[in-house]
Protein backbone atom coordinates (compact mmCIF):
# COMPACT_ATOMS: atom_id res chain seq x y z
CA MET A 1 80.56 178.82 268.20
CA ALA A 2 80.44 177.40 264.68
CA MET A 3 83.43 175.48 263.39
CA ARG A 4 85.23 176.96 260.41
CA ARG A 5 84.58 174.99 257.20
CA GLU A 6 87.18 174.45 254.52
CA LEU A 7 86.23 173.31 251.02
CA VAL A 8 88.93 171.20 249.41
CA THR A 9 89.32 170.91 245.62
CA TRP A 10 90.26 167.84 243.59
CA GLU A 11 93.61 169.45 242.82
CA GLU A 12 94.26 169.89 246.54
CA VAL A 13 93.33 166.25 247.18
CA GLU A 14 95.89 165.17 244.56
CA GLU A 15 98.54 167.32 246.28
CA LEU A 16 97.63 165.85 249.68
CA VAL A 17 97.93 162.30 248.32
CA ASP A 18 101.36 163.14 246.91
CA LEU A 19 102.42 164.55 250.30
CA LEU A 20 101.38 161.31 251.98
CA ILE A 21 103.27 159.13 249.52
CA ASP A 22 106.42 161.21 250.04
CA GLN A 23 106.27 160.41 253.78
CA PHE A 24 105.95 156.63 253.57
CA GLU A 25 109.03 154.95 255.02
CA HIS A 26 107.86 151.40 254.40
CA ASP A 27 106.47 149.23 251.68
CA PHE A 28 103.03 148.04 252.64
CA GLU A 29 101.72 144.56 252.00
CA ALA A 30 98.09 145.60 252.29
CA MET A 31 95.93 148.68 252.44
CA LEU A 32 92.89 148.83 254.70
CA ILE A 33 90.50 151.55 253.54
CA ILE A 34 88.09 152.84 256.16
CA THR A 35 84.66 153.45 254.67
CA ARG A 36 83.28 155.82 253.64
CA GLY A 37 85.77 158.65 254.01
CA GLY A 38 88.84 156.63 253.05
CA ILE A 39 87.46 155.22 249.81
CA VAL A 40 88.53 158.03 247.48
CA PRO A 41 91.95 158.80 249.01
CA GLY A 42 92.61 155.08 249.45
CA GLY A 43 91.85 154.40 245.80
CA MET A 44 94.12 157.24 244.72
CA LEU A 45 96.94 156.02 246.97
CA ALA A 46 96.56 152.40 245.84
CA GLU A 47 96.71 153.41 242.18
CA ARG A 48 99.80 155.60 242.60
CA MET A 49 101.56 153.04 244.80
CA GLY A 50 100.67 150.03 242.65
CA LEU A 51 99.03 148.23 245.59
CA SER A 52 96.59 145.49 244.77
CA GLY A 53 95.96 144.10 248.26
CA ILE A 54 93.05 146.40 249.10
CA LEU A 55 90.81 145.63 252.08
CA THR A 56 87.93 147.58 253.63
CA ALA A 57 86.70 148.24 257.14
CA ALA A 58 83.34 149.73 258.08
CA VAL A 59 83.11 151.10 261.61
CA ASP A 60 80.10 152.56 263.39
CA PHE A 61 79.87 154.32 266.72
CA PRO A 62 76.20 153.88 267.65
CA GLY A 63 74.58 156.28 270.02
CA ASP A 64 71.95 158.82 270.76
CA LEU A 65 72.16 161.77 268.37
CA GLU A 66 71.03 164.08 271.17
CA ASN A 67 73.90 163.10 273.50
CA LYS A 68 77.05 163.92 271.53
CA ARG A 69 79.29 163.98 274.61
CA GLU A 70 78.22 160.51 275.76
CA ASN A 71 78.49 159.18 272.19
CA MET A 72 82.22 159.89 272.24
CA LEU A 73 82.63 157.06 274.78
CA VAL A 74 80.70 154.39 272.85
CA TRP A 75 82.53 151.22 271.79
CA PRO A 76 82.85 150.80 268.03
CA GLN A 77 80.87 148.28 266.04
CA PHE A 78 82.77 146.75 263.14
CA LEU A 79 80.20 146.31 260.41
CA GLN A 80 82.83 144.92 258.04
CA PHE A 81 86.43 143.90 258.74
CA PRO A 82 88.89 141.57 257.01
CA GLY A 83 89.77 138.24 258.59
CA ASP A 84 92.87 137.96 260.73
CA GLU A 85 94.63 135.81 258.12
CA LEU A 86 94.62 138.80 255.72
CA LEU A 87 96.32 141.04 258.30
CA SER A 88 98.59 138.79 260.35
CA ALA A 89 102.33 139.50 259.99
CA ARG A 90 101.67 142.13 257.31
CA ARG A 91 102.48 145.83 257.18
CA VAL A 92 99.03 147.37 256.73
CA LEU A 93 98.43 150.97 255.70
CA THR A 94 95.08 152.14 257.06
CA VAL A 95 93.54 155.03 255.13
CA ASP A 96 90.83 157.50 256.12
CA ASP A 97 90.09 161.04 255.03
CA VAL A 98 90.41 162.81 258.38
CA TRP A 99 91.49 162.17 261.97
CA GLY A 100 89.14 164.34 264.03
CA SER A 101 88.55 162.70 267.40
CA GLY A 102 90.76 159.80 266.29
CA ARG A 103 88.24 157.18 267.41
CA THR A 104 87.83 155.46 264.04
CA SER A 105 91.51 155.28 263.08
CA THR A 106 92.47 154.16 266.59
CA ALA A 107 89.79 151.44 266.67
CA VAL A 108 90.92 150.11 263.29
CA LYS A 109 94.61 150.29 264.23
CA ASN A 110 93.95 148.33 267.44
CA ARG A 111 91.94 145.70 265.60
CA VAL A 112 94.73 145.23 263.01
CA SER A 113 97.25 144.88 265.85
CA ALA A 114 95.03 142.33 267.61
CA ALA A 115 94.99 140.30 264.36
CA GLY A 116 98.80 140.23 264.39
CA GLY A 117 99.26 142.91 261.73
CA MET A 118 101.53 145.95 261.82
CA PRO A 119 99.22 148.93 261.24
CA PHE A 120 100.28 152.36 260.03
CA THR A 121 97.57 155.04 260.08
CA SER A 122 97.26 157.64 257.34
CA VAL A 123 94.80 160.47 256.73
CA LEU A 124 94.63 163.49 254.50
CA HIS A 125 93.84 165.86 257.41
CA PHE A 126 94.69 165.66 261.12
CA ASN A 127 92.81 167.89 263.58
CA PRO A 128 94.93 168.00 266.76
CA HIS A 129 92.32 170.23 268.45
CA ARG A 130 89.66 167.48 268.38
CA ASN A 131 91.99 164.53 269.07
CA MET A 132 90.74 162.44 272.02
CA PHE A 133 93.94 160.43 272.40
CA GLY A 134 96.39 162.84 273.99
CA THR A 135 99.62 162.88 272.05
CA ALA A 136 98.57 160.04 269.74
CA ARG A 137 98.38 161.05 266.12
CA PRO A 138 98.28 159.42 262.71
CA ASP A 139 101.54 157.89 261.53
CA TYR A 140 101.13 159.85 258.30
CA PHE A 141 99.03 162.91 257.54
CA ALA A 142 99.23 165.43 254.73
CA ALA A 143 97.89 168.50 256.55
CA SER A 144 96.99 169.68 260.03
CA THR A 145 93.86 171.77 260.50
CA ASP A 146 91.33 173.11 262.98
CA ALA A 147 88.61 173.34 260.32
CA TYR A 148 85.77 171.06 259.37
CA ILE A 149 86.96 169.71 256.01
CA VAL A 150 84.54 169.26 253.12
CA TYR A 151 86.05 167.11 250.36
CA PRO A 152 85.04 167.41 246.70
CA TRP A 153 83.15 164.11 246.80
CA GLU A 154 81.02 165.51 249.65
CA GLN A 155 80.13 168.77 247.92
CA GLU A 156 76.90 169.41 246.07
CA PRO A 157 77.22 168.90 242.33
CA THR A 158 76.91 171.98 240.17
CA ALA A 159 73.69 172.56 238.25
CA GLY A 160 75.47 171.76 234.96
CA TRP A 161 76.72 168.45 236.30
CA ALA A 162 73.31 167.48 237.65
CA MET A 163 71.63 168.26 234.34
CA ARG A 164 73.99 166.23 232.12
CA ASP A 165 72.37 163.61 229.98
CA TYR A 166 74.02 160.22 230.35
């Protein structure tokens, strides 16, 4: 059975970012953007919140493309991660676009905690139907869904956009 797809517009992304900001109960001393999905929402959040301490994390879950079920149990590889001294004793907002299985956000949260930081996870969309971590969920999310979300930065450009002369 094919998963329902939902195309999200830029206007909807702006609304989702506003919904996240309205939920924040803390001031954050750093933001840790998870690449690639968290880059756009993280940048939007940082700009609106006036945060300048922006860090990035790149996480990969290697595995055999044929064995999706077994891949869900693979340990993450951190391709890029800030040093402990940038996280220790700091309230760190982690940002990604979506929490599907929850593997990426959970791996990053645990690594921030291990460095002595206080992580708070945030995503635009939370899919409780795919969550692998029982009752665990993001600290902050703007919407809950059962759909496969396609953000505007993932969509094919229109013919007019592709043909513009720069």
